[in-house]
Amino acid sequence: MADSPRFLTLTDVAEILNTSSAQAYALVRRGDLPAIKIGGRGQWRVEAAQLEAYIERMYTEARTYVAEHPFVENER
């Protein structure tokens, strides 16, 4: 674990999720992705383990959605 930092910036999170920094910020502000605010400027940090847990939750939600909404091709 020494190779990877315990806490990530929102820029790091956005890069990992291949999304914008604004979207990473929105995930934190909505409470979807737990984070802490540090320092006098109140910079957000996301624990790597929390990001991994979020990703796993999203996989679970996606599997549930797919199971409940099967893909049906148009018959022609």
C-alpha atoms as a PDB file:
ATOM      1  CA  MET A   1       0.000   0.000   0.000  1.00  0.00           C
ATOM      2  CA  ALA A   2       3.030   2.265   0.272  1.00  0.00           C
ATOM      3  CA  ASP A   3       2.916   2.851  -3.497  1.00  0.00           C
ATOM      4  CA  SER A   4      -0.585   4.349  -3.470  1.00  0.00           C
ATOM      5  CA  PRO A   5      -1.680   7.261  -1.293  1.00  0.00           C
ATOM      6  CA  ARG A   6      -4.365   6.774   1.332  1.00  0.00           C
ATOM      7  CA  PHE A   7      -6.164   9.979   0.320  1.00  0.00           C
ATOM      8  CA  LEU A   8      -6.938  11.258  -3.168  1.00  0.00           C
ATOM      9  CA  THR A   9      -7.732  14.722  -4.456  1.00  0.00           C
ATOM     10  CA  LEU A  10     -10.923  15.283  -6.428  1.00  0.00           C
ATOM     11  CA  THR A  11      -8.720  15.589  -9.509  1.00  0.00           C
ATOM     12  CA  ASP A  12      -7.332  12.118  -8.759  1.00  0.00           C
ATOM     13  CA  VAL A  13     -10.865  10.773  -8.282  1.00  0.00           C
ATOM     14  CA  ALA A  14     -11.993  12.323 -11.562  1.00  0.00           C
ATOM     15  CA  GLU A  15      -9.042  10.769 -13.388  1.00  0.00           C
ATOM     16  CA  ILE A  16      -9.691   7.320 -11.908  1.00  0.00           C
ATOM     17  CA  LEU A  17     -13.398   7.498 -12.793  1.00  0.00           C
ATOM     18  CA  ASN A  18     -12.619   9.080 -16.179  1.00  0.00           C
ATOM     19  CA  THR A  19     -14.957  11.990 -15.488  1.00  0.00           C
ATOM     20  CA  SER A  20     -14.662  15.712 -14.797  1.00  0.00           C
ATOM     21  CA  SER A  21     -13.509  17.290 -11.560  1.00  0.00           C
ATOM     22  CA  ALA A  22     -16.940  18.955 -11.366  1.00  0.00           C
ATOM     23  CA  GLN A  23     -18.615  15.529 -11.448  1.00  0.00           C
ATOM     24  CA  ALA A  24     -16.275  14.227  -8.718  1.00  0.00           C
ATOM     25  CA  TYR A  25     -17.140  17.293  -6.619  1.00  0.00           C
ATOM     26  CA  ALA A  26     -20.858  16.673  -7.207  1.00  0.00           C
ATOM     27  CA  LEU A  27     -20.501  13.057  -6.019  1.00  0.00           C
ATOM     28  CA  VAL A  28     -18.950  14.311  -2.788  1.00  0.00           C
ATOM     29  CA  ARG A  29     -21.412  17.172  -2.252  1.00  0.00           C
ATOM     30  CA  ARG A  30     -24.423  14.872  -2.824  1.00  0.00           C
ATOM     31  CA  GLY A  31     -23.001  12.454  -0.273  1.00  0.00           C
ATOM     32  CA  ASP A  32     -22.613   9.646  -2.807  1.00  0.00           C
ATOM     33  CA  LEU A  33     -18.861   9.502  -2.225  1.00  0.00           C
ATOM     34  CA  PRO A  34     -17.677  10.026   1.376  1.00  0.00           C
ATOM     35  CA  ALA A  35     -14.875  12.573   1.729  1.00  0.00           C
ATOM     36  CA  ILE A  36     -13.234  14.863   4.258  1.00  0.00           C
ATOM     37  CA  LYS A  37     -12.381  18.536   4.064  1.00  0.00           C
ATOM     38  CA  ILE A  38      -8.886  19.486   5.205  1.00  0.00           C
ATOM     39  CA  GLY A  39      -6.787  22.587   5.620  1.00  0.00           C
ATOM     40  CA  GLY A  40      -7.618  26.262   5.838  1.00  0.00           C
ATOM     41  CA  ARG A  41      -8.900  26.307   2.272  1.00  0.00           C
ATOM     42  CA  GLY A  42     -11.115  23.291   2.890  1.00  0.00           C
ATOM     43  CA  GLN A  43      -9.771  21.033   0.171  1.00  0.00           C
ATOM     44  CA  TRP A  44     -11.636  17.770  -0.291  1.00  0.00           C
ATOM     45  CA  ARG A  45      -9.897  14.413   0.063  1.00  0.00           C
ATOM     46  CA  VAL A  46     -11.348  10.985  -0.648  1.00  0.00           C
ATOM     47  CA  GLU A  47      -9.922   7.928   1.019  1.00  0.00           C
ATOM     48  CA  ALA A  48      -8.882   5.372  -1.607  1.00  0.00           C
ATOM     49  CA  ALA A  49     -10.839   2.654   0.216  1.00  0.00           C
ATOM     50  CA  GLN A  50     -13.986   4.813   0.066  1.00  0.00           C
ATOM     51  CA  LEU A  51     -13.541   5.269  -3.677  1.00  0.00           C
ATOM     52  CA  GLU A  52     -13.166   1.506  -4.143  1.00  0.00           C
ATOM     53  CA  ALA A  53     -16.308   0.923  -2.045  1.00  0.00           C
ATOM     54  CA  TYR A  54     -18.174   3.495  -4.169  1.00  0.00           C
ATOM     55  CA  ILE A  55     -17.086   1.725  -7.366  1.00  0.00           C
ATOM     56  CA  GLU A  56     -18.285  -1.619  -5.982  1.00  0.00           C
ATOM     57  CA  ARG A  57     -21.655  -0.039  -5.047  1.00  0.00           C
ATOM     58  CA  MET A  58     -22.005   1.297  -8.572  1.00  0.00           C
ATOM     59  CA  TYR A  59     -21.310  -2.159 -10.019  1.00  0.00           C
ATOM     60  CA  THR A  60     -23.967  -3.628  -7.722  1.00  0.00           C
ATOM     61  CA  GLU A  61     -26.471  -0.936  -8.716  1.00  0.00           C
ATOM     62  CA  ALA A  62     -25.707  -1.501 -12.396  1.00  0.00           C
ATOM     63  CA  ARG A  63     -26.205  -5.270 -12.054  1.00  0.00           C
ATOM     64  CA  THR A  64     -29.528  -4.688 -10.286  1.00  0.00           C
ATOM     65  CA  TYR A  65     -30.650  -2.228 -12.951  1.00  0.00           C
ATOM     66  CA  VAL A  66     -29.746  -4.617 -15.781  1.00  0.00           C
ATOM     67  CA  ALA A  67     -31.549  -7.499 -14.052  1.00  0.00           C
ATOM     68  CA  GLU A  68     -34.681  -5.392 -13.536  1.00  0.00           C
ATOM     69  CA  HIS A  69     -34.610  -3.841 -17.012  1.00  0.00           C
ATOM     70  CA  PRO A  70     -33.692  -6.566 -19.494  1.00  0.00           C
ATOM     71  CA  PHE A  71     -32.514  -5.451 -22.915  1.00  0.00           C
ATOM     72  CA  VAL A  72     -35.005  -6.414 -25.594  1.00  0.00           C
ATOM     73  CA  GLU A  73     -34.141  -5.898 -29.230  1.00  0.00           C
ATOM     74  CA  ASN A  74     -36.853  -4.725 -31.595  1.00  0.00           C
ATOM     75  CA  GLU A  75     -38.393  -7.566 -33.561  1.00  0.00           C
ATOM     76  CA  ARG A  76     -38.694  -6.727 -37.280  1.00  0.00           C
END
